[in-house]
Amino acid sequence: MSWTAPAWVGISDLDYSKLLQKKAVAITRRDKKRSGTYSVREAIEAIDEAFHRCNGFDPYDGSKLNPKLLGKYDNKASKEKGAAYKREMAMLPTVDHVKAEPLPDFAIVSWQTNDAKGDMAPEEFVAYCRRVVELADQH
């Protein structure tokens, strides 16, 4: 089945369909190890909905996502460059579980946010960020 890419992503529908398939397979496989029971098809639909809800900005910090980074992540470069590579790829749009549960409920966030948020639910992450800011303001 073919999917229609949202305008902000800037790739062809064919490439977008391939991206959805690849992401859905990887996430579903990982979540099955965590007791997830949804299908790849359900994941594709949920990821597509997340991309279409997204306006090209990270929902947590408002940063503009860089869709040109989609499909560019390189494990080898990441190992070689370490933290510098993470900074280069910070605005890569990534698929994030909204809550820390193996369910097909996703949001599109920056890789930077996904990395920082980890397995926290949105409320936990925001509360954590507030504590960080409070402490930073005290210094």
Protein backbone atom coordinates (compact mmCIF):
# COMPACT_ATOMS: atom_id res chain seq x y z
CA MET A 1 0.00 0.00 0.00
CA SER A 2 1.15 3.52 -0.75
CA TRP A 3 1.06 6.32 1.78
CA THR A 4 1.03 10.08 1.19
CA ALA A 5 3.89 12.01 2.74
CA PRO A 6 3.03 15.19 4.63
CA ALA A 7 4.39 18.29 2.88
CA TRP A 8 6.85 19.17 5.67
CA VAL A 9 8.72 15.87 5.19
CA GLY A 10 9.69 16.77 1.63
CA ILE A 11 10.12 13.25 0.22
CA SER A 12 8.22 11.30 -2.40
CA ASP A 13 5.25 9.17 -1.42
CA LEU A 14 7.22 6.08 -2.45
CA ASP A 15 10.15 6.98 -0.19
CA TYR A 16 7.73 7.89 2.59
CA SER A 17 5.97 4.51 2.25
CA LYS A 18 9.36 2.76 2.49
CA LEU A 19 10.27 4.85 5.54
CA LEU A 20 6.99 3.94 7.27
CA GLN A 21 7.49 0.26 6.56
CA LYS A 22 11.08 0.26 7.82
CA LYS A 23 10.26 2.18 11.00
CA ALA A 24 7.15 0.11 11.73
CA VAL A 25 8.96 -3.21 11.35
CA ALA A 26 11.82 -2.09 13.62
CA ILE A 27 9.55 -0.65 16.31
CA THR A 28 7.12 -3.59 16.24
CA ARG A 29 10.00 -6.08 16.51
CA ARG A 30 11.47 -4.20 19.47
CA ASP A 31 8.09 -3.83 21.18
CA LYS A 32 7.25 -7.53 20.82
CA LYS A 33 10.27 -8.17 23.07
CA ARG A 34 8.59 -5.83 25.57
CA SER A 35 5.21 -7.65 25.42
CA GLY A 36 3.79 -5.54 22.59
CA THR A 37 0.97 -7.22 20.70
CA TYR A 38 0.18 -4.84 17.84
CA SER A 39 0.82 -5.58 14.17
CA VAL A 40 3.19 -3.93 11.72
CA ARG A 41 0.12 -2.61 9.89
CA GLU A 42 -1.14 -0.94 13.09
CA ALA A 43 2.31 0.57 13.61
CA ILE A 44 2.42 1.92 10.04
CA GLU A 45 -0.98 3.55 10.49
CA ALA A 46 -0.01 5.06 13.85
CA ILE A 47 3.35 6.36 12.57
CA ASP A 48 1.66 7.84 9.50
CA GLU A 49 -0.86 9.60 11.75
CA ALA A 50 2.01 10.94 13.88
CA PHE A 51 3.83 12.32 10.83
CA HIS A 52 0.63 13.99 9.64
CA ARG A 53 -0.08 15.48 13.09
CA CYS A 54 3.44 16.86 13.24
CA ASN A 55 3.97 20.26 11.71
CA GLY A 56 7.72 19.86 11.35
CA PHE A 57 8.51 21.07 14.86
CA ASP A 58 9.39 19.11 17.99
CA PRO A 59 6.28 19.14 20.22
CA TYR A 60 8.33 19.46 23.42
CA ASP A 61 10.80 22.26 22.68
CA GLY A 62 9.48 23.80 19.44
CA SER A 63 12.71 23.15 17.51
CA LYS A 64 12.37 22.83 13.74
CA LEU A 65 12.93 19.24 12.68
CA ASN A 66 15.27 18.54 9.77
CA PRO A 67 13.55 16.08 7.43
CA LYS A 68 16.66 16.03 5.20
CA LEU A 69 18.20 13.84 7.90
CA LEU A 70 15.56 11.11 7.45
CA GLY A 71 17.24 7.89 6.41
CA LYS A 72 20.73 9.36 6.95
CA TYR A 73 21.51 7.90 10.38
CA ASP A 74 24.65 5.78 10.17
CA ASN A 75 25.54 3.40 13.02
CA LYS A 76 29.19 3.29 11.96
CA ALA A 77 29.51 7.08 11.95
CA SER A 78 27.74 7.22 15.29
CA LYS A 79 30.27 4.84 16.85
CA GLU A 80 33.19 6.69 15.31
CA LYS A 81 32.09 10.24 16.15
CA GLY A 82 30.20 9.63 19.41
CA ALA A 83 28.63 12.73 20.96
CA ALA A 84 29.61 14.91 17.99
CA TYR A 85 27.48 12.71 15.74
CA LYS A 86 24.55 12.99 18.14
CA ARG A 87 24.80 16.77 17.88
CA GLU A 88 24.88 16.58 14.06
CA MET A 89 21.75 14.44 14.06
CA ALA A 90 19.93 16.26 16.89
CA MET A 91 17.05 17.50 14.72
CA LEU A 92 16.48 14.18 12.94
CA PRO A 93 12.72 13.48 13.11
CA THR A 94 12.22 10.27 15.05
CA VAL A 95 9.27 8.12 16.03
CA ASP A 96 8.72 8.23 19.77
CA HIS A 97 6.27 6.27 21.91
CA VAL A 98 4.01 8.84 23.53
CA LYS A 99 4.03 6.79 26.72
CA ALA A 100 6.57 4.26 27.87
CA GLU A 101 4.39 1.37 26.78
CA PRO A 102 4.70 -0.99 23.78
CA LEU A 103 1.57 0.41 22.11
CA PRO A 104 1.10 1.91 18.63
CA ASP A 105 0.77 5.46 19.98
CA PHE A 106 3.50 7.66 18.54
CA ALA A 107 4.68 11.24 18.13
CA ILE A 108 7.38 12.64 15.86
CA VAL A 109 10.09 14.34 17.90
CA SER A 110 13.72 15.30 17.40
CA TRP A 111 16.32 12.64 18.06
CA GLN A 112 17.63 14.95 20.78
CA THR A 113 14.27 14.94 22.57
CA ASN A 114 13.78 11.21 22.07
CA ASP A 115 17.19 10.56 23.59
CA ALA A 116 16.52 12.85 26.56
CA LYS A 117 12.95 11.62 27.13
CA GLY A 118 13.89 7.97 27.14
CA ASP A 119 11.03 5.88 28.50
CA MET A 120 9.28 8.71 30.32
CA ALA A 121 5.65 9.53 29.70
CA PRO A 122 5.05 13.12 28.52
CA GLU A 123 4.04 14.32 32.00
CA GLU A 124 7.15 12.76 33.57
CA PHE A 125 9.43 14.30 30.96
CA VAL A 126 7.93 17.78 31.35
CA ALA A 127 8.15 17.52 35.15
CA TYR A 128 11.78 16.44 34.83
CA CYS A 129 12.55 19.38 32.52
CA ARG A 130 10.95 21.76 35.00
CA ARG A 131 13.16 20.40 37.80
CA VAL A 132 16.22 20.89 35.58
CA VAL A 133 15.25 24.50 34.85
CA GLU A 134 14.49 25.20 38.51
CA LEU A 135 17.90 23.96 39.55
CA ALA A 136 19.64 25.84 36.74
CA ASP A 137 17.86 29.05 37.77
CA GLN A 138 19.21 28.65 41.33
CA HIS A 139 22.80 28.78 40.12
